[in-house]
Amino acid sequence: MTIPQEQFDDLLHRTALAALFYYPEIVLEDGDFDLQKDIAYCMEPVAGLPDDDADRVRDAVGRVIVNPTTHRSQLLEIVIELAPDPSED
């Protein structure tokens, strides 16, 4: 199953939003905060990915939320690898 580029774009937008609102103190200040919920929200648009690919993306999304500057290029590389070639449109 090929996931359309738009869904990968949505994944990136959701991840950026989650990273924007994340700060390390939230874990201490908000007992309801759950990084796994944020990751699950970000992963919704690409729910049809094979398990191995989904695991890679999920791991990268979690890292980007917590430290976007260090890990965003890794997520972008994975998305470029998995997204359909734009010339196929």
N, C-alpha and C. Protein backbone atom coordinates (compact mmCIF):
# COMPACT_ATOMS: atom_id res chain seq x y z
N MET A 1 0.85 -1.19 0.00
CA MET A 1 0.00 0.00 0.00
C MET A 1 0.89 1.25 0.00
N THR A 2 0.68 2.09 -0.98
CA THR A 2 1.43 3.34 -1.06
C THR A 2 0.67 4.43 -0.32
N ILE A 3 1.37 5.13 0.53
CA ILE A 3 0.78 6.24 1.28
C ILE A 3 1.02 7.52 0.48
N PRO A 4 -0.02 8.30 0.20
CA PRO A 4 0.15 9.52 -0.59
C PRO A 4 1.04 10.55 0.12
N GLN A 5 1.69 11.38 -0.68
CA GLN A 5 2.57 12.42 -0.15
C GLN A 5 1.84 13.32 0.84
N GLU A 6 0.58 13.60 0.59
CA GLU A 6 -0.18 14.48 1.47
C GLU A 6 -0.25 13.94 2.89
N GLN A 7 -0.31 12.63 3.03
CA GLN A 7 -0.38 12.03 4.35
C GLN A 7 0.97 12.14 5.07
N PHE A 8 2.06 12.02 4.31
CA PHE A 8 3.38 12.25 4.92
C PHE A 8 3.53 13.72 5.32
N ASP A 9 3.00 14.62 4.51
CA ASP A 9 3.02 16.04 4.86
C ASP A 9 2.26 16.28 6.16
N ASP A 10 1.11 15.61 6.30
CA ASP A 10 0.32 15.73 7.53
C ASP A 10 1.11 15.21 8.73
N LEU A 11 1.81 14.10 8.55
CA LEU A 11 2.67 13.56 9.61
C LEU A 11 3.69 14.62 10.03
N LEU A 12 4.35 15.26 9.08
CA LEU A 12 5.35 16.27 9.40
C LEU A 12 4.73 17.48 10.09
N HIS A 13 3.56 17.90 9.65
CA HIS A 13 2.88 19.03 10.29
C HIS A 13 2.52 18.70 11.73
N ARG A 14 1.97 17.53 11.94
CA ARG A 14 1.58 17.13 13.30
C ARG A 14 2.80 17.02 14.21
N THR A 15 3.89 16.48 13.66
CA THR A 15 5.11 16.34 14.46
C THR A 15 5.67 17.71 14.82
N ALA A 16 5.67 18.64 13.88
CA ALA A 16 6.15 19.99 14.15
C ALA A 16 5.30 20.66 15.24
N LEU A 17 4.00 20.48 15.16
CA LEU A 17 3.11 21.06 16.16
C LEU A 17 3.37 20.45 17.54
N ALA A 18 3.51 19.14 17.61
CA ALA A 18 3.80 18.48 18.89
C ALA A 18 5.13 18.96 19.46
N ALA A 19 6.13 19.13 18.60
CA ALA A 19 7.44 19.60 19.05
C ALA A 19 7.36 21.05 19.54
N LEU A 20 6.55 21.84 18.87
CA LEU A 20 6.40 23.24 19.26
C LEU A 20 5.85 23.37 20.68
N PHE A 21 4.93 22.49 21.05
CA PHE A 21 4.30 22.58 22.36
C PHE A 21 4.97 21.74 23.44
N TYR A 22 6.01 21.00 23.06
CA TYR A 22 6.73 20.19 24.05
C TYR A 22 7.81 21.03 24.72
N TYR A 23 7.92 20.87 26.00
CA TYR A 23 9.06 21.40 26.73
C TYR A 23 9.36 20.41 27.86
N PRO A 24 10.63 20.24 28.21
CA PRO A 24 11.02 19.18 29.15
C PRO A 24 10.28 19.23 30.49
N GLU A 25 9.96 20.41 30.98
CA GLU A 25 9.30 20.53 32.28
C GLU A 25 7.87 20.01 32.26
N ILE A 26 7.30 19.84 31.07
CA ILE A 26 5.91 19.38 30.98
C ILE A 26 5.73 18.02 31.64
N VAL A 27 6.75 17.20 31.57
CA VAL A 27 6.68 15.87 32.17
C VAL A 27 6.52 15.99 33.68
N LEU A 28 7.18 16.96 34.28
CA LEU A 28 7.10 17.15 35.72
C LEU A 28 5.86 17.93 36.14
N GLU A 29 5.47 18.91 35.34
CA GLU A 29 4.37 19.80 35.70
C GLU A 29 2.99 19.23 35.37
N ASP A 30 2.91 18.43 34.35
CA ASP A 30 1.61 17.92 33.89
C ASP A 30 1.60 16.40 34.00
N GLY A 31 0.99 15.92 35.03
CA GLY A 31 0.93 14.47 35.25
C GLY A 31 0.18 13.73 34.16
N ASP A 32 -0.59 14.44 33.34
CA ASP A 32 -1.36 13.80 32.28
C ASP A 32 -0.59 13.72 30.96
N PHE A 33 0.56 14.39 30.88
CA PHE A 33 1.31 14.38 29.62
C PHE A 33 1.80 12.96 29.32
N ASP A 34 1.64 12.58 28.05
CA ASP A 34 2.07 11.25 27.62
C ASP A 34 2.66 11.39 26.21
N LEU A 35 3.97 11.27 26.11
CA LEU A 35 4.65 11.39 24.82
C LEU A 35 4.09 10.38 23.82
N GLN A 36 3.74 9.20 24.28
CA GLN A 36 3.21 8.16 23.39
C GLN A 36 1.90 8.61 22.73
N LYS A 37 1.10 9.38 23.44
CA LYS A 37 -0.15 9.89 22.84
C LYS A 37 0.16 10.88 21.72
N ASP A 38 1.16 11.74 21.96
CA ASP A 38 1.56 12.69 20.91
C ASP A 38 2.10 11.95 19.69
N ILE A 39 2.89 10.93 19.93
CA ILE A 39 3.44 10.14 18.82
C ILE A 39 2.31 9.46 18.05
N ALA A 40 1.36 8.87 18.77
CA ALA A 40 0.22 8.19 18.12
C ALA A 40 -0.57 9.18 17.28
N TYR A 41 -0.78 10.40 17.78
CA TYR A 41 -1.49 11.43 17.02
C TYR A 41 -0.74 11.75 15.73
N CYS A 42 0.57 11.89 15.83
CA CYS A 42 1.38 12.21 14.65
C CYS A 42 1.35 11.08 13.62
N MET A 43 1.26 9.85 14.09
CA MET A 43 1.31 8.68 13.21
C MET A 43 -0.01 8.38 12.50
N GLU A 44 -1.10 8.97 12.94
CA GLU A 44 -2.42 8.67 12.35
C GLU A 44 -2.46 8.76 10.83
N PRO A 45 -1.89 9.79 10.21
CA PRO A 45 -1.98 9.89 8.74
C PRO A 45 -1.27 8.77 7.99
N VAL A 46 -0.31 8.10 8.62
CA VAL A 46 0.45 7.06 7.93
C VAL A 46 0.18 5.69 8.56
N ALA A 47 -1.03 5.50 9.02
CA ALA A 47 -1.41 4.26 9.73
C ALA A 47 -1.23 3.01 8.88
N GLY A 48 -1.19 3.13 7.57
CA GLY A 48 -1.07 1.97 6.71
C GLY A 48 0.35 1.51 6.42
N LEU A 49 1.33 2.14 7.05
CA LEU A 49 2.72 1.73 6.81
C LEU A 49 2.97 0.31 7.32
N PRO A 50 3.84 -0.43 6.64
CA PRO A 50 4.25 -1.74 7.17
C PRO A 50 4.90 -1.55 8.55
N ASP A 51 4.80 -2.58 9.38
CA ASP A 51 5.27 -2.47 10.77
C ASP A 51 6.71 -2.00 10.90
N ASP A 52 7.62 -2.53 10.10
CA ASP A 52 9.02 -2.12 10.21
C ASP A 52 9.20 -0.64 9.91
N ASP A 53 8.54 -0.16 8.86
CA ASP A 53 8.63 1.25 8.52
C ASP A 53 7.95 2.12 9.58
N ALA A 54 6.81 1.66 10.06
CA ALA A 54 6.09 2.41 11.09
C ALA A 54 6.94 2.54 12.35
N ASP A 55 7.65 1.49 12.71
CA ASP A 55 8.53 1.55 13.89
C ASP A 55 9.62 2.59 13.71
N ARG A 56 10.22 2.64 12.52
CA ARG A 56 11.26 3.62 12.24
C ARG A 56 10.71 5.05 12.32
N VAL A 57 9.55 5.25 11.71
CA VAL A 57 8.94 6.58 11.71
C VAL A 57 8.55 6.97 13.14
N ARG A 58 7.93 6.05 13.86
CA ARG A 58 7.48 6.31 15.23
C ARG A 58 8.67 6.73 16.11
N ASP A 59 9.77 6.02 15.99
CA ASP A 59 10.96 6.34 16.78
C ASP A 59 11.48 7.74 16.42
N ALA A 60 11.54 8.03 15.13
CA ALA A 60 12.03 9.34 14.69
C ALA A 60 11.09 10.46 15.14
N VAL A 61 9.79 10.23 15.07
CA VAL A 61 8.81 11.24 15.50
C VAL A 61 9.02 11.55 16.99
N GLY A 62 9.16 10.53 17.80
CA GLY A 62 9.38 10.75 19.23
C GLY A 62 10.63 11.57 19.49
N ARG A 63 11.68 11.28 18.77
CA ARG A 63 12.93 12.02 18.94
C ARG A 63 12.77 13.47 18.49
N VAL A 64 12.04 13.69 17.40
CA VAL A 64 11.84 15.05 16.90
C VAL A 64 11.01 15.86 17.88
N ILE A 65 10.00 15.27 18.47
CA ILE A 65 9.17 15.99 19.44
C ILE A 65 10.03 16.48 20.60
N VAL A 66 10.90 15.63 21.09
CA VAL A 66 11.72 15.96 22.26
C VAL A 66 12.89 16.86 21.92
N ASN A 67 13.48 16.69 20.73
CA ASN A 67 14.65 17.49 20.36
C ASN A 67 14.66 17.70 18.84
N PRO A 68 13.84 18.63 18.36
CA PRO A 68 13.69 18.81 16.91
C PRO A 68 14.98 19.20 16.19
N THR A 69 15.78 20.03 16.79
CA THR A 69 16.99 20.50 16.11
C THR A 69 17.93 19.35 15.79
N THR A 70 18.06 18.43 16.70
CA THR A 70 18.98 17.31 16.52
C THR A 70 18.45 16.23 15.59
N HIS A 71 17.13 16.00 15.60
CA HIS A 71 16.59 14.81 14.94
C HIS A 71 15.71 15.04 13.72
N ARG A 72 15.41 16.27 13.38
CA ARG A 72 14.47 16.49 12.26
C ARG A 72 14.99 15.97 10.93
N SER A 73 16.29 16.06 10.71
CA SER A 73 16.83 15.58 9.43
C SER A 73 16.65 14.08 9.28
N GLN A 74 16.74 13.35 10.38
CA GLN A 74 16.52 11.89 10.33
C GLN A 74 15.08 11.58 9.90
N LEU A 75 14.12 12.29 10.47
CA LEU A 75 12.72 12.07 10.09
C LEU A 75 12.50 12.43 8.63
N LEU A 76 13.06 13.54 8.19
CA LEU A 76 12.90 13.93 6.79
C LEU A 76 13.50 12.90 5.84
N GLU A 77 14.64 12.34 6.18
CA GLU A 77 15.25 11.29 5.36
C GLU A 77 14.34 10.07 5.24
N ILE A 78 13.73 9.68 6.35
CA ILE A 78 12.83 8.52 6.33
C ILE A 78 11.60 8.82 5.47
N VAL A 79 11.03 10.01 5.64
CA VAL A 79 9.85 10.39 4.85
C VAL A 79 10.18 10.43 3.36
N ILE A 80 11.32 10.99 3.01
CA ILE A 80 11.72 11.03 1.60
C ILE A 80 11.87 9.62 1.04
N GLU A 81 12.41 8.73 1.84
CA GLU A 81 12.58 7.33 1.42
C GLU A 81 11.24 6.63 1.21
N LEU A 82 10.28 6.89 2.09
CA LEU A 82 9.01 6.14 2.07
C LEU A 82 7.93 6.78 1.20
N ALA A 83 8.00 8.08 1.03
CA ALA A 83 6.96 8.76 0.25
C ALA A 83 7.09 8.41 -1.22
N PRO A 84 5.97 8.46 -1.94
CA PRO A 84 6.04 8.17 -3.37
C PRO A 84 6.86 9.22 -4.11
N ASP A 85 7.48 8.80 -5.18
CA ASP A 85 8.26 9.70 -6.03
C ASP A 85 7.33 10.72 -6.64
N PRO A 86 7.60 12.03 -6.47
CA PRO A 86 6.70 13.05 -7.03
C PRO A 86 6.54 12.95 -8.54
N SER A 87 7.50 12.39 -9.23
CA SER A 87 7.40 12.28 -10.69
C SER A 87 6.38 11.24 -11.12
N GLU A 88 5.90 10.44 -10.18
CA GLU A 88 4.90 9.42 -10.50
C GLU A 88 3.48 9.96 -10.56
N ASP A 89 3.32 11.25 -10.19
CA ASP A 89 1.97 11.85 -10.21
C ASP A 89 1.50 12.14 -11.60
